[in-house]
PDB file of N, CA and C in Angstrom:
ATOM      1  N   MET A   1     -67.515 -63.885  58.167  1.00  0.00           N
ATOM      2  CA  MET A   1     -67.026 -65.255  58.218  1.00  0.00           C
ATOM      3  C   MET A   1     -67.882 -66.142  57.314  1.00  0.00           C
ATOM      4  N   SER A   2     -67.243 -66.890  56.457  1.00  0.00           N
ATOM      5  CA  SER A   2     -67.950 -67.771  55.535  1.00  0.00           C
ATOM      6  C   SER A   2     -68.399 -69.044  56.249  1.00  0.00           C
ATOM      7  N   ARG A   3     -69.642 -69.441  55.988  1.00  0.00           N
ATOM      8  CA  ARG A   3     -70.168 -70.677  56.576  1.00  0.00           C
ATOM      9  C   ARG A   3     -70.231 -71.782  55.538  1.00  0.00           C
ATOM     10  N   GLY A   4     -69.641 -71.550  54.366  1.00  0.00           N
ATOM     11  CA  GLY A   4     -69.648 -72.568  53.325  1.00  0.00           C
ATOM     12  C   GLY A   4     -70.958 -72.654  52.577  1.00  0.00           C
ATOM     13  N   GLU A   5     -71.755 -71.603  52.642  1.00  0.00           N
ATOM     14  CA  GLU A   5     -73.050 -71.617  51.965  1.00  0.00           C
ATOM     15  C   GLU A   5     -72.867 -71.478  50.458  1.00  0.00           C
ATOM     16  N   LEU A   6     -73.851 -71.973  49.727  1.00  0.00           N
ATOM     17  CA  LEU A   6     -73.808 -71.946  48.272  1.00  0.00           C
ATOM     18  C   LEU A   6     -74.782 -70.901  47.742  1.00  0.00           C
ATOM     19  N   THR A   7     -74.524 -70.445  46.537  1.00  0.00           N
ATOM     20  CA  THR A   7     -75.406 -69.470  45.902  1.00  0.00           C
ATOM     21  C   THR A   7     -76.733 -70.131  45.532  1.00  0.00           C
ATOM     22  N   GLU A   8     -77.683 -69.298  45.156  1.00  0.00           N
ATOM     23  CA  GLU A   8     -79.012 -69.823  44.805  1.00  0.00           C
ATOM     24  C   GLU A   8     -79.029 -70.505  43.439  1.00  0.00           C
ATOM     25  N   ASN A   9     -78.048 -70.229  42.595  1.00  0.00           N
ATOM     26  CA  ASN A   9     -78.063 -70.793  41.239  1.00  0.00           C
ATOM     27  C   ASN A   9     -77.312 -72.115  41.125  1.00  0.00           C
ATOM     28  N   VAL A  10     -77.188 -72.824  42.230  1.00  0.00           N
ATOM     29  CA  VAL A  10     -76.517 -74.132  42.209  1.00  0.00           C
ATOM     30  C   VAL A  10     -77.371 -75.114  41.404  1.00  0.00           C
ATOM     31  N   PRO A  11     -76.772 -75.774  40.413  1.00  0.00           N
ATOM     32  CA  PRO A  11     -77.525 -76.781  39.654  1.00  0.00           C
ATOM     33  C   PRO A  11     -77.613 -78.076  40.468  1.00  0.00           C
ATOM     34  N   ALA A  12     -78.482 -78.095  41.448  1.00  0.00           N
ATOM     35  CA  ALA A  12     -78.539 -79.177  42.426  1.00  0.00           C
ATOM     36  C   ALA A  12     -78.762 -80.551  41.777  1.00  0.00           C
ATOM     37  N   ASP A  13     -79.667 -80.633  40.830  1.00  0.00           N
ATOM     38  CA  ASP A  13     -79.943 -81.927  40.197  1.00  0.00           C
ATOM     39  C   ASP A  13     -78.719 -82.453  39.451  1.00  0.00           C
ATOM     40  N   GLU A  14     -78.062 -81.579  38.706  1.00  0.00           N
ATOM     41  CA  GLU A  14     -76.880 -81.991  37.954  1.00  0.00           C
ATOM     42  C   GLU A  14     -75.736 -82.371  38.897  1.00  0.00           C
ATOM     43  N   LEU A  15     -75.530 -81.589  39.954  1.00  0.00           N
ATOM     44  CA  LEU A  15     -74.468 -81.906  40.907  1.00  0.00           C
ATOM     45  C   LEU A  15     -74.759 -83.208  41.648  1.00  0.00           C
ATOM     46  N   ALA A  16     -76.016 -83.444  41.996  1.00  0.00           N
ATOM     47  CA  ALA A  16     -76.376 -84.692  42.681  1.00  0.00           C
ATOM     48  C   ALA A  16     -76.089 -85.892  41.778  1.00  0.00           C
ATOM     49  N   LEU A  17     -76.430 -85.788  40.513  1.00  0.00           N
ATOM     50  CA  LEU A  17     -76.154 -86.869  39.560  1.00  0.00           C
ATOM     51  C   LEU A  17     -74.649 -87.076  39.414  1.00  0.00           C
ATOM     52  N   PHE A  18     -73.905 -85.990  39.290  1.00  0.00           N
ATOM     53  CA  PHE A  18     -72.453 -86.062  39.166  1.00  0.00           C
ATOM     54  C   PHE A  18     -71.835 -86.735  40.390  1.00  0.00           C
ATOM     55  N   ILE A  19     -72.225 -86.300  41.577  1.00  0.00           N
ATOM     56  CA  ILE A  19     -71.657 -86.837  42.813  1.00  0.00           C
ATOM     57  C   ILE A  19     -72.016 -88.313  42.975  1.00  0.00           C
ATOM     58  N   ASN A  20     -73.269 -88.662  42.722  1.00  0.00           N
ATOM     59  CA  ASN A  20     -73.683 -90.067  42.833  1.00  0.00           C
ATOM     60  C   ASN A  20     -72.928 -90.949  41.845  1.00  0.00           C
ATOM     61  N   THR A  21     -72.740 -90.461  40.634  1.00  0.00           N
ATOM     62  CA  THR A  21     -72.011 -91.228  39.624  1.00  0.00           C
ATOM     63  C   THR A  21     -70.567 -91.437  40.049  1.00  0.00           C
ATOM     64  N   GLN A  22     -69.937 -90.387  40.558  1.00  0.00           N
ATOM     65  CA  GLN A  22     -68.558 -90.487  41.013  1.00  0.00           C
ATOM     66  C   GLN A  22     -68.437 -91.466  42.185  1.00  0.00           C
ATOM     67  N   LEU A  23     -69.336 -91.362  43.149  1.00  0.00           N
ATOM     68  CA  LEU A  23     -69.294 -92.255  44.305  1.00  0.00           C
ATOM     69  C   LEU A  23     -69.538 -93.703  43.906  1.00  0.00           C
ATOM     70  N   TYR A  24     -70.480 -93.926  43.002  1.00  0.00           N
ATOM     71  CA  TYR A  24     -70.757 -95.287  42.536  1.00  0.00           C
ATOM     72  C   TYR A  24     -69.515 -95.874  41.883  1.00  0.00           C
ATOM     73  N   GLY A  25     -68.862 -95.102  41.020  1.00  0.00           N
ATOM     74  CA  GLY A  25     -67.648 -95.563  40.362  1.00  0.00           C
ATOM     75  C   GLY A  25     -66.548 -95.869  41.361  1.00  0.00           C
ATOM     76  N   LEU A  26     -66.428 -95.023  42.367  1.00  0.00           N
ATOM     77  CA  LEU A  26     -65.419 -95.235  43.401  1.00  0.00           C
ATOM     78  C   LEU A  26     -65.696 -96.520  44.170  1.00  0.00           C
ATOM     79  N   MET A  27     -66.958 -96.759  44.517  1.00  0.00           N
ATOM     80  CA  MET A  27     -67.310 -97.979  45.250  1.00  0.00           C
ATOM     81  C   MET A  27     -67.090 -99.229  44.408  1.00  0.00           C
ATOM     82  N   VAL A  28     -67.404 -99.157  43.115  1.00  0.00           N
ATOM     83  CA  VAL A  28     -67.172-100.296  42.224  1.00  0.00           C
ATOM     84  C   VAL A  28     -65.678-100.593  42.146  1.00  0.00           C
ATOM     85  N   ALA A  29     -64.870 -99.540  42.023  1.00  0.00           N
ATOM     86  CA  ALA A  29     -63.418 -99.737  41.966  1.00  0.00           C
ATOM     87  C   ALA A  29     -62.911-100.367  43.255  1.00  0.00           C
ATOM     88  N   TRP A  30     -63.430 -99.929  44.398  1.00  0.00           N
ATOM     89  CA  TRP A  30     -63.016-100.521  45.679  1.00  0.00           C
ATOM     90  C   TRP A  30     -63.361-102.003  45.724  1.00  0.00           C
ATOM     91  N   CYS A  31     -64.574-102.342  45.267  1.00  0.00           N
ATOM     92  CA  CYS A  31     -65.021-103.735  45.314  1.00  0.00           C
ATOM     93  C   CYS A  31     -64.218-104.627  44.365  1.00  0.00           C
ATOM     94  N   MET A  32     -63.777-104.082  43.257  1.00  0.00           N
ATOM     95  CA  MET A  32     -63.039-104.868  42.269  1.00  0.00           C
ATOM     96  C   MET A  32     -61.556-104.978  42.606  1.00  0.00           C
ATOM     97  N   SER A  33     -61.104-104.128  43.497  1.00  0.00           N
ATOM     98  CA  SER A  33     -59.689-104.130  43.854  1.00  0.00           C
ATOM     99  C   SER A  33     -59.427-105.212  44.892  1.00  0.00           C
ATOM    100  N   ASP A  34     -58.302-105.890  44.735  1.00  0.00           N
ATOM    101  CA  ASP A  34     -57.946-106.872  45.747  1.00  0.00           C
ATOM    102  C   ASP A  34     -56.999-106.275  46.789  1.00  0.00           C
ATOM    103  N   ALA A  35     -56.789-104.960  46.699  1.00  0.00           N
ATOM    104  CA  ALA A  35     -55.926-104.274  47.661  1.00  0.00           C
ATOM    105  C   ALA A  35     -56.739-103.889  48.895  1.00  0.00           C
ATOM    106  N   SER A  36     -56.045-103.717  49.978  1.00  0.00           N
ATOM    107  CA  SER A  36     -56.687-103.249  51.202  1.00  0.00           C
ATOM    108  C   SER A  36     -56.949-101.747  51.059  1.00  0.00           C
ATOM    109  N   VAL A  37     -58.181-101.335  51.251  1.00  0.00           N
ATOM    110  CA  VAL A  37     -58.563 -99.936  51.076  1.00  0.00           C
ATOM    111  C   VAL A  37     -59.046 -99.387  52.404  1.00  0.00           C
ATOM    112  N   VAL A  38     -58.507 -98.230  52.783  1.00  0.00           N
ATOM    113  CA  VAL A  38     -58.976 -97.536  53.976  1.00  0.00           C
ATOM    114  C   VAL A  38     -60.022 -96.539  53.495  1.00  0.00           C
ATOM    115  N   GLY A  39     -61.276 -96.842  53.783  1.00  0.00           N
ATOM    116  CA  GLY A  39     -62.383 -96.037  53.274  1.00  0.00           C
ATOM    117  C   GLY A  39     -62.333 -94.575  53.663  1.00  0.00           C
ATOM    118  N   SER A  40     -61.986 -94.274  54.904  1.00  0.00           N
ATOM    119  CA  SER A  40     -61.994 -92.888  55.337  1.00  0.00           C
ATOM    120  C   SER A  40     -60.947 -92.064  54.597  1.00  0.00           C
ATOM    121  N   ALA A  41     -59.790 -92.627  54.340  1.00  0.00           N
ATOM    122  CA  ALA A  41     -58.752 -91.904  53.607  1.00  0.00           C
ATOM    123  C   ALA A  41     -59.189 -91.660  52.164  1.00  0.00           C
ATOM    124  N   LYS A  42     -59.796 -92.660  51.546  1.00  0.00           N
ATOM    125  CA  LYS A  42     -60.278 -92.511  50.170  1.00  0.00           C
ATOM    126  C   LYS A  42     -61.421 -91.507  50.100  1.00  0.00           C
ATOM    127  N   THR A  43     -62.294 -91.507  51.096  1.00  0.00           N
ATOM    128  CA  THR A  43     -63.406 -90.569  51.125  1.00  0.00           C
ATOM    129  C   THR A  43     -62.894 -89.143  51.268  1.00  0.00           C
ATOM    130  N   ASP A  44     -61.914 -88.922  52.128  1.00  0.00           N
ATOM    131  CA  ASP A  44     -61.327 -87.589  52.292  1.00  0.00           C
ATOM    132  C   ASP A  44     -60.680 -87.126  50.992  1.00  0.00           C
ATOM    133  N   ALA A  45     -59.954 -88.009  50.339  1.00  0.00           N
ATOM    134  CA  ALA A  45     -59.303 -87.664  49.075  1.00  0.00           C
ATOM    135  C   ALA A  45     -60.348 -87.354  48.004  1.00  0.00           C
ATOM    136  N   PHE A  46     -61.424 -88.131  47.976  1.00  0.00           N
ATOM    137  CA  PHE A  46     -62.515 -87.906  47.025  1.00  0.00           C
ATOM    138  C   PHE A  46     -63.131 -86.532  47.246  1.00  0.00           C
ATOM    139  N   PHE A  47     -63.375 -86.181  48.483  1.00  0.00           N
ATOM    140  CA  PHE A  47     -63.962 -84.880  48.791  1.00  0.00           C
ATOM    141  C   PHE A  47     -63.036 -83.753  48.334  1.00  0.00           C
ATOM    142  N   ASP A  48     -61.747 -83.876  48.653  1.00  0.00           N
ATOM    143  CA  ASP A  48     -60.795 -82.816  48.308  1.00  0.00           C
ATOM    144  C   ASP A  48     -60.564 -82.679  46.811  1.00  0.00           C
ATOM    145  N   SER A  49     -60.558 -83.795  46.087  1.00  0.00           N
ATOM    146  CA  SER A  49     -60.235 -83.736  44.664  1.00  0.00           C
ATOM    147  C   SER A  49     -61.439 -83.616  43.740  1.00  0.00           C
ATOM    148  N   ILE A  50     -62.617 -84.031  44.187  1.00  0.00           N
ATOM    149  CA  ILE A  50     -63.795 -84.026  43.316  1.00  0.00           C
ATOM    150  C   ILE A  50     -64.886 -83.069  43.808  1.00  0.00           C
ATOM    151  N   ILE A  51     -65.320 -83.234  45.045  1.00  0.00           N
ATOM    152  CA  ILE A  51     -66.467 -82.474  45.545  1.00  0.00           C
ATOM    153  C   ILE A  51     -66.141 -80.996  45.730  1.00  0.00           C
ATOM    154  N   LYS A  52     -65.054 -80.687  46.413  1.00  0.00           N
ATOM    155  CA  LYS A  52     -64.694 -79.281  46.636  1.00  0.00           C
ATOM    156  C   LYS A  52     -64.571 -78.505  45.316  1.00  0.00           C
ATOM    157  N   PRO A  53     -63.800 -79.008  44.354  1.00  0.00           N
ATOM    158  CA  PRO A  53     -63.703 -78.249  43.093  1.00  0.00           C
ATOM    159  C   PRO A  53     -65.042 -78.106  42.370  1.00  0.00           C
ATOM    160  N   ALA A  54     -65.907 -79.114  42.474  1.00  0.00           N
ATOM    161  CA  ALA A  54     -67.220 -79.033  41.802  1.00  0.00           C
ATOM    162  C   ALA A  54     -68.105 -77.971  42.435  1.00  0.00           C
ATOM    163  N   LEU A  55     -67.968 -77.745  43.725  1.00  0.00           N
ATOM    164  CA  LEU A  55     -68.816 -76.767  44.424  1.00  0.00           C
ATOM    165  C   LEU A  55     -68.235 -75.353  44.458  1.00  0.00           C
ATOM    166  N   MET A  56     -66.944 -75.212  44.232  1.00  0.00           N
ATOM    167  CA  MET A  56     -66.282 -73.907  44.345  1.00  0.00           C
ATOM    168  C   MET A  56     -66.948 -72.792  43.550  1.00  0.00           C
ATOM    169  N   PRO A  57     -67.383 -73.019  42.305  1.00  0.00           N
ATOM    170  CA  PRO A  57     -67.994 -71.917  41.558  1.00  0.00           C
ATOM    171  C   PRO A  57     -69.306 -71.408  42.178  1.00  0.00           C
ATOM    172  N   TYR A  58     -69.878 -72.167  43.093  1.00  0.00           N
ATOM    173  CA  TYR A  58     -71.185 -71.824  43.646  1.00  0.00           C
ATOM    174  C   TYR A  58     -71.128 -71.352  45.095  1.00  0.00           C
ATOM    175  N   LYS A  59     -69.919 -71.170  45.640  1.00  0.00           N
ATOM    176  CA  LYS A  59     -69.791 -70.703  47.012  1.00  0.00           C
ATOM    177  C   LYS A  59     -70.033 -69.212  47.089  1.00  0.00           C
ATOM    178  N   LEU A  60     -70.657 -68.776  48.180  1.00  0.00           N
ATOM    179  CA  LEU A  60     -70.877 -67.355  48.405  1.00  0.00           C
ATOM    180  C   LEU A  60     -69.594 -66.681  48.795  1.00  0.00           C
TER     181      LEU A  60
END
C-alpha cells in the first residue's frame, strides 16, 4: 500500500520555490479580483492541477 512517500532524489529546494511562487501568484490574483472567491475550492483545485503533477515523478 502506497503512503504517498517521495523518492530520495526530490529536488526539495526547487519544488519549495516553485510551490511558494505559485501560491504567491494565486494569492495576488485573489486579492486583485473583485469576485467572491471560495478559498477552499481554489486550494483544492490548485493542489490537483499544480502540486500533484509536480510531485508525481518523485513518488515511490
